[in-house]
Amino acid sequence: MQEYQVTIGDTTHTLPEPFMVLATQNPIEQEGTYPLPEAQIDRFMLKLKITYPNKEEEKQILERMTFKSIEKVNPVITPDDIRKARSTVHEIYVDEKVKNYIVDIVFATRKPEDYKLENLKSLIAYGASPRATICLTLASKAYAFIKGRGYVTPEDVKEIGLDVLRHRIIPTYEAEAEETTSEDIVKQIFDGVEVP
C-alpha cells in the first residue's frame, strides 16, 4: 500500500494518484481468508463499522442487483480535484494544544495509568502505534475540512477518533473475558483524557 505500486512477476506497475485501498472484513465468512497481522492492519487509516441496510436500502440493492439495466454513473469530481483537496487538508491548522491532546490520547492507549485510567492497564495488550498519531491528526484535519473549517478542534479529534483507533488497540485476554472491546477502551480513553 505505501509503495504505491504493485509487482506481478518481474513487472512493477506504478499506481496512479490519487491512490487508496478500501477493504472489507466480513466477520462471518472465514473460509479461505486469513486475519491480517496487526502491523498490516495498522496501515489502514480508518476502520469503519457498517451495519445491515434498512428495508428501503435493501430494496434498492435488490433492484440494482437483480435487473439487467445498469445505472449510468456520472463523475462528480476529478482526480485533480481530489489532489487539490488533499493538499488543502494538509494546510488545515492544528493548534499546539490540540497536537498535545492527540499525543495524549495515543499515549493513554499505551500507559493509561499516566492519565488516571489505571483500570484500563490490564485490558490493553498493545496500545496504538506512532502511525495512530499521524492518522488521528490527518483524519481530524480532513474532518475539519469537511465541516468547512481551516482549523482542528478537540471535538474533531473525538468525532473521528474511534474510527482511527478501534483497530489499533489490542485488548488482553482479560478484556475479552470481560467482553470489553477495543471500542469500549477507546471510549473510556476519550472520556478520561483531559480536553484542552
C-alpha atoms as a PDB file:
ATOM      1  CA  MET A   1       0.000   0.000   0.000  1.00  0.00           C
ATOM      2  CA  GLN A   2       2.651   2.506   0.977  1.00  0.00           C
ATOM      3  CA  GLU A   3       4.810   1.864  -2.073  1.00  0.00           C
ATOM      4  CA  TYR A   4       2.034   2.996  -4.456  1.00  0.00           C
ATOM      5  CA  GLN A   5       2.964   0.210  -6.828  1.00  0.00           C
ATOM      6  CA  VAL A   6       2.248  -3.450  -7.470  1.00  0.00           C
ATOM      7  CA  THR A   7       4.572  -6.081  -8.870  1.00  0.00           C
ATOM      8  CA  ILE A   8       3.405  -9.028 -10.930  1.00  0.00           C
ATOM      9  CA  GLY A   9       6.245 -11.375 -11.788  1.00  0.00           C
ATOM     10  CA  ASP A  10       9.134  -9.192 -12.924  1.00  0.00           C
ATOM     11  CA  THR A  11       6.981  -6.208 -13.863  1.00  0.00           C
ATOM     12  CA  THR A  12       6.300  -3.336 -11.468  1.00  0.00           C
ATOM     13  CA  HIS A  13       3.306  -1.100 -12.129  1.00  0.00           C
ATOM     14  CA  THR A  14       3.164   2.348 -10.563  1.00  0.00           C
ATOM     15  CA  LEU A  15      -0.364   3.147  -9.421  1.00  0.00           C
ATOM     16  CA  PRO A  16      -1.925   6.452 -10.455  1.00  0.00           C
ATOM     17  CA  GLU A  17      -2.614   9.224  -7.949  1.00  0.00           C
ATOM     18  CA  PRO A  18      -4.882   9.528  -6.100  1.00  0.00           C
ATOM     19  CA  PHE A  19      -4.427   6.022  -4.767  1.00  0.00           C
ATOM     20  CA  MET A  20      -6.249   4.472  -1.831  1.00  0.00           C
ATOM     21  CA  VAL A  21      -7.063   0.993  -0.626  1.00  0.00           C
ATOM     22  CA  LEU A  22     -10.530   0.025   0.565  1.00  0.00           C
ATOM     23  CA  ALA A  23     -11.051  -3.388   2.090  1.00  0.00           C
ATOM     24  CA  THR A  24     -13.992  -5.193   3.611  1.00  0.00           C
ATOM     25  CA  GLN A  25     -13.971  -7.569   6.535  1.00  0.00           C
ATOM     26  CA  ASN A  26     -16.860  -9.946   6.936  1.00  0.00           C
ATOM     27  CA  PRO A  27     -16.911 -11.324  10.484  1.00  0.00           C
ATOM     28  CA  ILE A  28     -18.902 -14.379   9.402  1.00  0.00           C
ATOM     29  CA  GLU A  29     -17.035 -15.711   6.387  1.00  0.00           C
ATOM     30  CA  GLN A  30     -13.643 -17.054   7.428  1.00  0.00           C
ATOM     31  CA  GLU A  31     -13.056 -19.905   4.984  1.00  0.00           C
ATOM     32  CA  GLY A  32     -10.263 -19.070   2.568  1.00  0.00           C
ATOM     33  CA  THR A  33      -9.439 -15.822   4.357  1.00  0.00           C
ATOM     34  CA  TYR A  34      -6.843 -15.139   6.992  1.00  0.00           C
ATOM     35  CA  PRO A  35      -6.731 -12.327   9.521  1.00  0.00           C
ATOM     36  CA  LEU A  36      -4.144  -9.688   8.686  1.00  0.00           C
ATOM     37  CA  PRO A  37      -1.246  -9.237  11.113  1.00  0.00           C
ATOM     38  CA  GLU A  38      -1.574  -6.202  13.391  1.00  0.00           C
ATOM     39  CA  ALA A  39       1.270  -4.419  11.564  1.00  0.00           C
ATOM     40  CA  GLN A  40      -0.688  -4.610   8.304  1.00  0.00           C
ATOM     41  CA  ILE A  41      -3.982  -3.617   9.917  1.00  0.00           C
ATOM     42  CA  ASP A  42      -2.218  -0.561  11.372  1.00  0.00           C
ATOM     43  CA  ARG A  43      -1.557   0.675   7.818  1.00  0.00           C
ATOM     44  CA  PHE A  44      -5.278   1.303   7.281  1.00  0.00           C
ATOM     45  CA  MET A  45      -6.088   4.847   8.339  1.00  0.00           C
ATOM     46  CA  LEU A  46      -9.680   4.148   9.379  1.00  0.00           C
ATOM     47  CA  LYS A  47     -11.830   1.191  10.282  1.00  0.00           C
ATOM     48  CA  LEU A  48     -15.497   1.958   9.825  1.00  0.00           C
ATOM     49  CA  LYS A  49     -18.267  -0.272  11.107  1.00  0.00           C
ATOM     50  CA  ILE A  50     -21.197  -0.682   8.774  1.00  0.00           C
ATOM     51  CA  THR A  51     -24.425  -2.309   9.867  1.00  0.00           C
ATOM     52  CA  TYR A  52     -27.049  -4.055   7.785  1.00  0.00           C
ATOM     53  CA  PRO A  53     -29.053  -1.802   5.447  1.00  0.00           C
ATOM     54  CA  ASN A  54     -32.571  -0.729   6.393  1.00  0.00           C
ATOM     55  CA  LYS A  55     -35.537  -2.053   4.388  1.00  0.00           C
ATOM     56  CA  GLU A  56     -35.548   0.794   1.881  1.00  0.00           C
ATOM     57  CA  GLU A  57     -31.800   0.449   1.250  1.00  0.00           C
ATOM     58  CA  GLU A  58     -32.101  -3.319   0.933  1.00  0.00           C
ATOM     59  CA  LYS A  59     -34.842  -2.891  -1.654  1.00  0.00           C
ATOM     60  CA  GLN A  60     -32.581  -0.545  -3.629  1.00  0.00           C
ATOM     61  CA  ILE A  61     -29.853  -3.196  -3.515  1.00  0.00           C
ATOM     62  CA  LEU A  62     -32.333  -5.795  -4.738  1.00  0.00           C
ATOM     63  CA  GLU A  63     -33.419  -3.581  -7.640  1.00  0.00           C
ATOM     64  CA  ARG A  64     -29.866  -2.704  -8.663  1.00  0.00           C
ATOM     65  CA  MET A  65     -28.506  -6.226  -8.480  1.00  0.00           C
ATOM     66  CA  THR A  66     -31.362  -8.300  -9.941  1.00  0.00           C
ATOM     67  CA  PHE A  67     -32.234  -6.377 -13.080  1.00  0.00           C
ATOM     68  CA  LYS A  68     -30.207  -6.062 -16.274  1.00  0.00           C
ATOM     69  CA  SER A  69     -30.195  -2.291 -16.655  1.00  0.00           C
ATOM     70  CA  ILE A  70     -27.140  -0.661 -15.143  1.00  0.00           C
ATOM     71  CA  GLU A  71     -27.466   2.901 -13.980  1.00  0.00           C
ATOM     72  CA  LYS A  72     -25.162   5.371 -15.671  1.00  0.00           C
ATOM     73  CA  VAL A  73     -22.633   6.819 -13.277  1.00  0.00           C
ATOM     74  CA  ASN A  74     -21.637  10.422 -13.831  1.00  0.00           C
ATOM     75  CA  PRO A  75     -18.413  11.659 -12.257  1.00  0.00           C
ATOM     76  CA  VAL A  76     -18.887  14.461  -9.763  1.00  0.00           C
ATOM     77  CA  ILE A  77     -15.209  15.092  -9.066  1.00  0.00           C
ATOM     78  CA  THR A  78     -11.940  14.617 -10.933  1.00  0.00           C
ATOM     79  CA  PRO A  79      -8.707  13.062  -9.677  1.00  0.00           C
ATOM     80  CA  ASP A  80      -7.162  16.543  -9.856  1.00  0.00           C
ATOM     81  CA  ASP A  81      -9.922  17.865  -7.550  1.00  0.00           C
ATOM     82  CA  ILE A  82      -9.053  15.122  -5.051  1.00  0.00           C
ATOM     83  CA  ARG A  83      -5.359  16.011  -5.214  1.00  0.00           C
ATOM     84  CA  LYS A  84      -6.196  19.685  -4.561  1.00  0.00           C
ATOM     85  CA  ALA A  85      -8.453  18.762  -1.631  1.00  0.00           C
ATOM     86  CA  ARG A  86      -5.714  16.575  -0.136  1.00  0.00           C
ATOM     87  CA  SER A  87      -3.291  19.477  -0.458  1.00  0.00           C
ATOM     88  CA  THR A  88      -5.764  21.784   1.296  1.00  0.00           C
ATOM     89  CA  VAL A  89      -6.290  19.256   4.091  1.00  0.00           C
ATOM     90  CA  HIS A  90      -2.542  19.294   4.800  1.00  0.00           C
ATOM     91  CA  GLU A  91      -2.772  23.075   5.281  1.00  0.00           C
ATOM     92  CA  ILE A  92      -5.512  22.851   7.953  1.00  0.00           C
ATOM     93  CA  TYR A  93      -4.209  24.427  11.161  1.00  0.00           C
ATOM     94  CA  VAL A  94      -3.686  22.310  14.280  1.00  0.00           C
ATOM     95  CA  ASP A  95      -3.008  24.279  17.441  1.00  0.00           C
ATOM     96  CA  GLU A  96      -0.245  23.119  19.775  1.00  0.00           C
ATOM     97  CA  LYS A  97      -2.841  22.274  22.469  1.00  0.00           C
ATOM     98  CA  VAL A  98      -4.727  20.044  20.020  1.00  0.00           C
ATOM     99  CA  LYS A  99      -1.474  18.355  18.941  1.00  0.00           C
ATOM    100  CA  ASN A 100      -0.717  17.645  22.608  1.00  0.00           C
ATOM    101  CA  TYR A 101      -4.267  16.306  23.049  1.00  0.00           C
ATOM    102  CA  ILE A 102      -3.787  13.895  20.131  1.00  0.00           C
ATOM    103  CA  VAL A 103      -0.471  12.695  21.553  1.00  0.00           C
ATOM    104  CA  ASP A 104      -2.072  12.285  24.999  1.00  0.00           C
ATOM    105  CA  ILE A 105      -4.904  10.188  23.519  1.00  0.00           C
ATOM    106  CA  VAL A 106      -2.423   7.858  21.803  1.00  0.00           C
ATOM    107  CA  PHE A 107      -0.143   7.666  24.850  1.00  0.00           C
ATOM    108  CA  ALA A 108      -3.145   6.830  27.037  1.00  0.00           C
ATOM    109  CA  THR A 109      -3.561   3.661  24.954  1.00  0.00           C
ATOM    110  CA  ARG A 110      -0.015   2.659  25.961  1.00  0.00           C
ATOM    111  CA  LYS A 111       0.215   3.961  29.526  1.00  0.00           C
ATOM    112  CA  PRO A 112      -3.327   4.522  30.759  1.00  0.00           C
ATOM    113  CA  GLU A 113      -2.138   4.805  34.370  1.00  0.00           C
ATOM    114  CA  ASP A 114      -0.389   8.098  33.457  1.00  0.00           C
ATOM    115  CA  TYR A 115      -3.833   9.525  32.674  1.00  0.00           C
ATOM    116  CA  LYS A 116      -5.629   8.223  35.782  1.00  0.00           C
ATOM    117  CA  LEU A 117      -7.071   5.339  33.773  1.00  0.00           C
ATOM    118  CA  GLU A 118      -5.467   2.562  35.846  1.00  0.00           C
ATOM    119  CA  ASN A 119      -8.488   0.328  35.245  1.00  0.00           C
ATOM    120  CA  LEU A 120      -7.514   0.071  31.551  1.00  0.00           C
ATOM    121  CA  LYS A 121      -3.939  -1.135  32.107  1.00  0.00           C
ATOM    122  CA  SER A 122      -4.931  -4.784  32.472  1.00  0.00           C
ATOM    123  CA  LEU A 123      -7.266  -4.535  29.451  1.00  0.00           C
ATOM    124  CA  ILE A 124      -4.747  -3.307  26.842  1.00  0.00           C
ATOM    125  CA  ALA A 125      -2.187  -5.788  25.498  1.00  0.00           C
ATOM    126  CA  TYR A 126      -0.831  -3.335  22.906  1.00  0.00           C
ATOM    127  CA  GLY A 127      -1.608   0.337  22.530  1.00  0.00           C
ATOM    128  CA  ALA A 128      -1.685   2.415  19.383  1.00  0.00           C
ATOM    129  CA  SER A 129       1.484   2.913  17.326  1.00  0.00           C
ATOM    130  CA  PRO A 130       3.040   6.235  16.254  1.00  0.00           C
ATOM    131  CA  ARG A 131       1.163   5.763  12.967  1.00  0.00           C
ATOM    132  CA  ALA A 132      -2.029   6.303  15.006  1.00  0.00           C
ATOM    133  CA  THR A 133      -0.820   9.782  15.994  1.00  0.00           C
ATOM    134  CA  ILE A 134      -0.250  10.664  12.338  1.00  0.00           C
ATOM    135  CA  CYS A 135      -3.571   9.169  11.193  1.00  0.00           C
ATOM    136  CA  LEU A 136      -5.543  10.794  14.008  1.00  0.00           C
ATOM    137  CA  THR A 137      -4.086  14.174  13.080  1.00  0.00           C
ATOM    138  CA  LEU A 138      -4.711  13.772   9.333  1.00  0.00           C
ATOM    139  CA  ALA A 139      -8.223  12.394   9.859  1.00  0.00           C
ATOM    140  CA  SER A 140      -9.039  15.285  12.217  1.00  0.00           C
ATOM    141  CA  LYS A 141      -7.792  17.749   9.602  1.00  0.00           C
ATOM    142  CA  ALA A 142      -9.943  16.048   6.950  1.00  0.00           C
ATOM    143  CA  TYR A 143     -12.964  16.144   9.289  1.00  0.00           C
ATOM    144  CA  ALA A 144     -12.429  19.890   9.900  1.00  0.00           C
ATOM    145  CA  PHE A 145     -12.121  20.397   6.115  1.00  0.00           C
ATOM    146  CA  ILE A 146     -15.420  18.580   5.529  1.00  0.00           C
ATOM    147  CA  LYS A 147     -17.015  20.806   8.178  1.00  0.00           C
ATOM    148  CA  GLY A 148     -15.736  23.867   6.290  1.00  0.00           C
ATOM    149  CA  ARG A 149     -13.141  24.968   8.835  1.00  0.00           C
ATOM    150  CA  GLY A 150      -9.461  25.786   8.428  1.00  0.00           C
ATOM    151  CA  TYR A 151      -8.565  24.548  11.921  1.00  0.00           C
ATOM    152  CA  VAL A 152      -8.967  21.399  14.034  1.00  0.00           C
ATOM    153  CA  THR A 153     -10.873  21.364  17.322  1.00  0.00           C
ATOM    154  CA  PRO A 154     -10.709  18.731  20.068  1.00  0.00           C
ATOM    155  CA  GLU A 155     -14.275  17.800  19.066  1.00  0.00           C
ATOM    156  CA  ASP A 156     -12.984  16.908  15.574  1.00  0.00           C
ATOM    157  CA  VAL A 157     -10.459  14.573  17.188  1.00  0.00           C
ATOM    158  CA  LYS A 158     -13.211  12.962  19.272  1.00  0.00           C
ATOM    159  CA  GLU A 159     -15.585  12.628  16.312  1.00  0.00           C
ATOM    160  CA  ILE A 160     -13.119  10.721  14.124  1.00  0.00           C
ATOM    161  CA  GLY A 161     -11.053   9.125  16.892  1.00  0.00           C
ATOM    162  CA  LEU A 162     -12.971   5.868  17.252  1.00  0.00           C
ATOM    163  CA  ASP A 163     -12.632   5.117  13.524  1.00  0.00           C
ATOM    164  CA  VAL A 164      -8.881   5.764  13.695  1.00  0.00           C
ATOM    165  CA  LEU A 165      -8.179   3.833  16.897  1.00  0.00           C
ATOM    166  CA  ARG A 166     -10.605   0.867  17.042  1.00  0.00           C
ATOM    167  CA  HIS A 167      -8.284  -1.404  15.050  1.00  0.00           C
ATOM    168  CA  ARG A 168      -5.072  -0.183  16.668  1.00  0.00           C
ATOM    169  CA  ILE A 169      -5.678  -1.248  20.269  1.00  0.00           C
ATOM    170  CA  ILE A 170      -5.242  -4.932  21.042  1.00  0.00           C
ATOM    171  CA  PRO A 171      -7.277  -5.969  24.092  1.00  0.00           C
ATOM    172  CA  THR A 172      -5.901  -8.532  26.546  1.00  0.00           C
ATOM    173  CA  TYR A 173      -7.456 -11.926  27.206  1.00  0.00           C
ATOM    174  CA  GLU A 174      -8.789 -10.425  30.426  1.00  0.00           C
ATOM    175  CA  ALA A 175     -10.609  -7.739  28.411  1.00  0.00           C
ATOM    176  CA  GLU A 176     -12.064 -10.388  26.116  1.00  0.00           C
ATOM    177  CA  ALA A 177     -13.191 -12.424  29.133  1.00  0.00           C
ATOM    178  CA  GLU A 178     -14.940  -9.318  30.463  1.00  0.00           C
ATOM    179  CA  GLU A 179     -16.393  -8.704  26.974  1.00  0.00           C
ATOM    180  CA  THR A 180     -14.595  -5.368  26.786  1.00  0.00           C
ATOM    181  CA  THR A 181     -13.823  -4.410  23.186  1.00  0.00           C
ATOM    182  CA  SER A 182     -11.201  -2.070  21.779  1.00  0.00           C
ATOM    183  CA  GLU A 183     -14.077   0.347  21.118  1.00  0.00           C
ATOM    184  CA  ASP A 184     -15.029   0.322  24.801  1.00  0.00           C
ATOM    185  CA  ILE A 185     -11.410   1.090  25.664  1.00  0.00           C
ATOM    186  CA  VAL A 186     -11.183   3.965  23.154  1.00  0.00           C
ATOM    187  CA  LYS A 187     -14.399   5.499  24.511  1.00  0.00           C
ATOM    188  CA  GLN A 188     -13.055   5.326  28.074  1.00  0.00           C
ATOM    189  CA  ILE A 189      -9.821   6.977  26.950  1.00  0.00           C
ATOM    190  CA  PHE A 190     -11.682   9.836  25.262  1.00  0.00           C
ATOM    191  CA  ASP A 191     -13.815  10.228  28.402  1.00  0.00           C
ATOM    192  CA  GLY A 192     -10.749  10.178  30.673  1.00  0.00           C
ATOM    193  CA  VAL A 193      -8.122  12.282  28.894  1.00  0.00           C
ATOM    194  CA  GLU A 194      -8.439  15.984  29.660  1.00  0.00           C
ATOM    195  CA  VAL A 195      -9.680  18.067  26.723  1.00  0.00           C
ATOM    196  CA  PRO A 196      -7.803  21.339  26.113  1.00  0.00           C
END
